[in-house]
Amino acid sequence: MPHILASCEAKATVGEISDRLRKVFGEHVAVDDVSFDIAEGGSLAIVGESGSGKTTIARMLVGLERPTAGAITFAGCDRTHSAKSNTDRKTRSHEMQLVFQDPYTSLDPRQTVESCIDESLRLYRAGTAASRRPRVTELAEMVGLDARQLRALPRSLSGGQRQRVAIARVLAAEPRLIILDEDESSADAGTSVSDAEAPTSGA
């Protein structure tokens, strides 16, 4: 089972997992009796060996898996069950975003980096691609991607650079909480979410 490594002190709690969160697949117990708070402006790490349930916890937080038992609460709202409408999904996307573990499968190989970031951004901003381009450039710069890399396809990038694209895409939603699913597995020295004004949870 995973363990809570650390949680920094902060002013308020924006989300919590409580009531003995549990997830069972068939006869396999993936997550059992997990509880923690996410602090406003802070960070928290969940550590454990491979297969200990860290990714399952992350997927439950963003609604990709439904807990077998327990409850997920964020900013006072029950988030135990998946969103049922487009409006609800959009609301939740501003609350929590997940950076997936594998950047090789989380990006569309047919899209340039610029197009990938813009696709995420246009879900939250009206206007044309031209009007959004300054924000796309800003997001790219926040994670250390230059103009040449913005024009590139994912196959031309290193694993760390692809992870930066995934982080920039998540930042486009301006979420209150960013969840990193073993982001260090493909990170390079420049991969960072330090400029994001959101608490982070590392699974």
Protein backbone atom coordinates (compact mmCIF):
# COMPACT_ATOMS: atom_id res chain seq x y z
CA MET A 1 0.00 0.00 0.00
CA PRO A 2 1.24 3.56 -0.67
CA HIS A 3 2.29 5.90 2.11
CA ILE A 4 1.83 9.64 2.61
CA LEU A 5 5.35 11.06 2.62
CA ALA A 6 4.85 14.72 3.41
CA SER A 7 2.37 17.56 3.41
CA CYS A 8 3.45 21.17 3.75
CA GLU A 9 1.76 23.64 6.06
CA ALA A 10 -0.69 26.00 4.37
CA LYS A 11 -3.59 28.32 5.06
CA ALA A 12 -6.52 26.13 4.02
CA THR A 13 -7.48 22.73 2.77
CA VAL A 14 -8.91 22.62 -0.75
CA GLY A 15 -9.48 18.89 -1.03
CA GLU A 16 -9.43 15.71 0.97
CA ILE A 17 -9.74 11.98 0.61
CA SER A 18 -11.44 10.52 3.66
CA ASP A 19 -13.72 7.77 4.94
CA ARG A 20 -11.19 5.03 4.20
CA LEU A 21 -10.85 5.27 0.43
CA ARG A 22 -10.76 1.80 -1.13
CA LYS A 23 -10.53 0.35 -4.65
CA VAL A 24 -10.92 -3.31 -5.53
CA PHE A 25 -10.43 -4.91 -8.96
CA GLY A 26 -11.93 -8.38 -8.85
CA GLU A 27 -10.18 -10.08 -5.95
CA HIS A 28 -7.26 -7.63 -5.94
CA VAL A 29 -7.31 -4.77 -3.42
CA ALA A 30 -5.46 -1.92 -5.15
CA VAL A 31 -6.12 0.79 -2.53
CA ASP A 32 -7.24 0.28 1.04
CA ASP A 33 -7.94 2.74 3.87
CA VAL A 34 -6.27 5.82 2.37
CA SER A 35 -6.95 9.29 3.79
CA PHE A 36 -5.20 12.62 3.26
CA ASP A 37 -5.74 16.36 2.82
CA ILE A 38 -4.43 18.62 0.07
CA ALA A 39 -3.28 21.99 1.39
CA GLU A 40 -3.93 25.29 -0.40
CA GLY A 41 -0.65 26.39 -1.97
CA GLY A 42 1.12 23.30 -0.67
CA SER A 43 2.26 19.93 -1.89
CA LEU A 44 1.93 16.32 -0.86
CA ALA A 45 3.71 13.14 -1.95
CA ILE A 46 2.37 9.59 -2.00
CA VAL A 47 5.18 7.04 -2.14
CA GLY A 48 5.21 3.29 -2.60
CA GLU A 49 6.60 0.52 -4.74
CA SER A 50 5.31 -0.20 -8.24
CA GLY A 51 1.80 -1.62 -8.10
CA SER A 52 1.04 -0.20 -4.67
CA GLY A 53 -1.95 1.85 -5.88
CA LYS A 54 -0.47 5.32 -6.46
CA THR A 55 -1.78 5.68 -10.01
CA THR A 56 -5.16 4.25 -8.98
CA ILE A 57 -5.46 6.97 -6.33
CA ALA A 58 -4.62 9.64 -8.93
CA ARG A 59 -7.19 8.24 -11.36
CA MET A 60 -9.86 8.19 -8.66
CA LEU A 61 -9.16 11.82 -7.78
CA VAL A 62 -9.86 13.00 -11.33
CA GLY A 63 -12.82 10.68 -11.86
CA LEU A 64 -11.24 8.10 -14.18
CA GLU A 65 -11.85 5.37 -11.61
CA ARG A 66 -14.71 5.09 -9.15
CA PRO A 67 -13.84 4.17 -5.56
CA THR A 68 -15.22 0.87 -4.29
CA ALA A 69 -15.70 2.59 -0.93
CA GLY A 70 -14.85 5.89 0.69
CA ALA A 71 -15.37 9.49 -0.40
CA ILE A 72 -13.49 12.19 -2.30
CA THR A 73 -14.23 15.79 -1.37
CA PHE A 74 -12.77 18.87 -3.04
CA ALA A 75 -13.45 22.44 -1.91
CA GLY A 76 -16.46 21.21 0.02
CA CYS A 77 -17.99 19.34 -2.94
CA ASP A 78 -18.46 15.60 -3.22
CA ARG A 79 -16.29 14.30 -6.07
CA THR A 80 -16.64 10.58 -5.35
CA HIS A 81 -18.63 9.92 -8.52
CA SER A 82 -17.71 10.77 -12.11
CA ALA A 83 -19.05 13.94 -13.74
CA LYS A 84 -22.37 13.39 -15.50
CA SER A 85 -22.54 16.47 -17.75
CA ASN A 86 -20.23 18.62 -19.86
CA THR A 87 -20.74 21.51 -17.45
CA ASP A 88 -19.77 19.37 -14.49
CA ARG A 89 -16.72 18.02 -16.34
CA LYS A 90 -15.56 21.54 -17.18
CA THR A 91 -16.04 22.64 -13.57
CA ARG A 92 -13.99 19.72 -12.32
CA SER A 93 -11.27 20.34 -14.90
CA HIS A 94 -10.66 23.72 -13.23
CA GLU A 95 -10.39 21.93 -9.88
CA MET A 96 -8.00 19.06 -10.63
CA GLN A 97 -5.80 18.05 -13.56
CA LEU A 98 -3.66 14.94 -13.93
CA VAL A 99 -0.26 14.79 -15.63
CA PHE A 100 -0.07 11.19 -16.80
CA GLN A 101 2.95 9.02 -16.13
CA ASP A 102 3.71 8.14 -19.75
CA PRO A 103 4.18 11.16 -22.06
CA TYR A 104 4.62 8.84 -25.04
CA THR A 105 0.95 7.81 -24.96
CA SER A 106 -0.66 10.96 -23.54
CA LEU A 107 0.09 13.15 -26.59
CA ASP A 108 -1.42 12.97 -30.09
CA PRO A 109 1.48 12.09 -32.45
CA ARG A 110 -0.20 14.02 -35.29
CA GLN A 111 -0.33 17.36 -33.45
CA THR A 112 2.43 19.90 -33.11
CA VAL A 113 3.23 21.04 -29.59
CA GLU A 114 1.57 24.41 -30.29
CA SER A 115 -1.60 22.73 -31.54
CA CYS A 116 -1.67 20.39 -28.54
CA ILE A 117 -1.45 23.23 -26.03
CA ASP A 118 -3.95 25.36 -27.97
CA GLU A 119 -6.44 22.48 -28.10
CA SER A 120 -6.48 22.41 -24.30
CA LEU A 121 -6.55 26.20 -24.02
CA ARG A 122 -9.53 26.69 -26.35
CA LEU A 123 -11.69 24.63 -23.99
CA TYR A 124 -11.35 27.46 -21.48
CA ARG A 125 -10.86 30.57 -23.61
CA ALA A 126 -12.99 31.98 -26.39
CA GLY A 127 -11.51 33.56 -29.48
CA THR A 128 -9.32 32.47 -32.35
CA ALA A 129 -6.09 30.51 -32.42
CA ALA A 130 -4.30 33.78 -33.16
CA SER A 131 -5.76 35.46 -30.07
CA ARG A 132 -4.73 32.50 -27.90
CA ARG A 133 -1.21 32.25 -29.32
CA PRO A 134 0.42 34.61 -26.77
CA ARG A 135 -0.93 32.44 -23.93
CA VAL A 136 0.24 29.28 -25.71
CA THR A 137 3.72 30.80 -25.95
CA GLU A 138 3.60 31.84 -22.30
CA LEU A 139 2.63 28.33 -21.18
CA ALA A 140 5.43 26.84 -23.28
CA GLU A 141 7.96 29.23 -21.77
CA MET A 142 6.77 28.37 -18.26
CA VAL A 143 7.89 24.78 -18.80
CA GLY A 144 11.01 25.58 -20.81
CA LEU A 145 9.88 24.95 -24.40
CA ASP A 146 11.15 27.25 -27.16
CA ALA A 147 9.66 28.35 -30.50
CA ARG A 148 11.32 25.50 -32.42
CA GLN A 149 9.87 22.92 -30.04
CA LEU A 150 6.42 24.51 -30.34
CA ARG A 151 6.48 23.69 -34.06
CA ALA A 152 7.66 20.12 -33.51
CA LEU A 153 5.72 16.86 -33.42
CA PRO A 154 5.99 14.67 -30.29
CA ARG A 155 8.24 12.13 -32.07
CA SER A 156 10.90 14.85 -32.40
CA LEU A 157 11.01 15.50 -28.64
CA SER A 158 12.76 13.74 -25.79
CA GLY A 159 10.76 12.08 -23.02
CA GLY A 160 11.39 15.03 -20.73
CA GLN A 161 10.28 17.51 -23.38
CA ARG A 162 7.09 15.54 -23.97
CA GLN A 163 6.43 15.66 -20.25
CA ARG A 164 6.81 19.44 -20.38
CA VAL A 165 4.16 19.56 -23.12
CA ALA A 166 1.83 17.50 -20.93
CA ILE A 167 2.39 19.88 -18.02
CA ALA A 168 1.79 22.97 -20.20
CA ARG A 169 -1.46 21.42 -21.43
CA VAL A 170 -2.59 20.88 -17.84
CA LEU A 171 -1.63 24.44 -16.86
CA ALA A 172 -3.90 25.75 -19.64
CA ALA A 173 -6.90 24.76 -17.51
CA GLU A 174 -5.58 26.82 -14.56
CA PRO A 175 -6.56 24.08 -12.09
CA ARG A 176 -6.49 24.53 -8.32
CA LEU A 177 -4.79 21.15 -7.93
CA ILE A 178 -2.22 19.48 -10.21
CA ILE A 179 -1.68 15.74 -9.77
CA LEU A 180 1.63 14.34 -11.03
CA ASP A 181 1.57 10.60 -11.68
CA GLU A 182 5.24 9.65 -11.24
CA ASP A 183 6.24 12.65 -13.33
CA GLU A 184 9.92 12.12 -12.49
CA SER A 185 9.92 8.86 -14.48
CA SER A 186 10.56 10.75 -17.72
CA ALA A 187 11.53 14.19 -16.45
CA ASP A 188 14.66 16.07 -17.38
CA ALA A 189 16.38 18.92 -15.56
CA GLY A 190 14.00 21.52 -17.02
CA THR A 191 10.70 19.81 -16.29
CA SER A 192 8.90 21.76 -13.59
CA VAL A 193 5.55 22.98 -12.38
CA SER A 194 7.15 25.46 -10.00
CA ASP A 195 5.52 28.41 -11.79
CA ALA A 196 2.01 27.01 -11.40
CA GLU A 197 0.03 28.71 -8.68
CA ALA A 198 -1.71 25.52 -7.59
CA PRO A 199 -1.11 22.91 -4.92
CA THR A 200 0.39 19.68 -6.22
CA SER A 201 0.00 16.05 -5.31
CA GLY A 202 2.61 13.55 -6.47
CA ALA A 203 1.43 9.97 -6.86
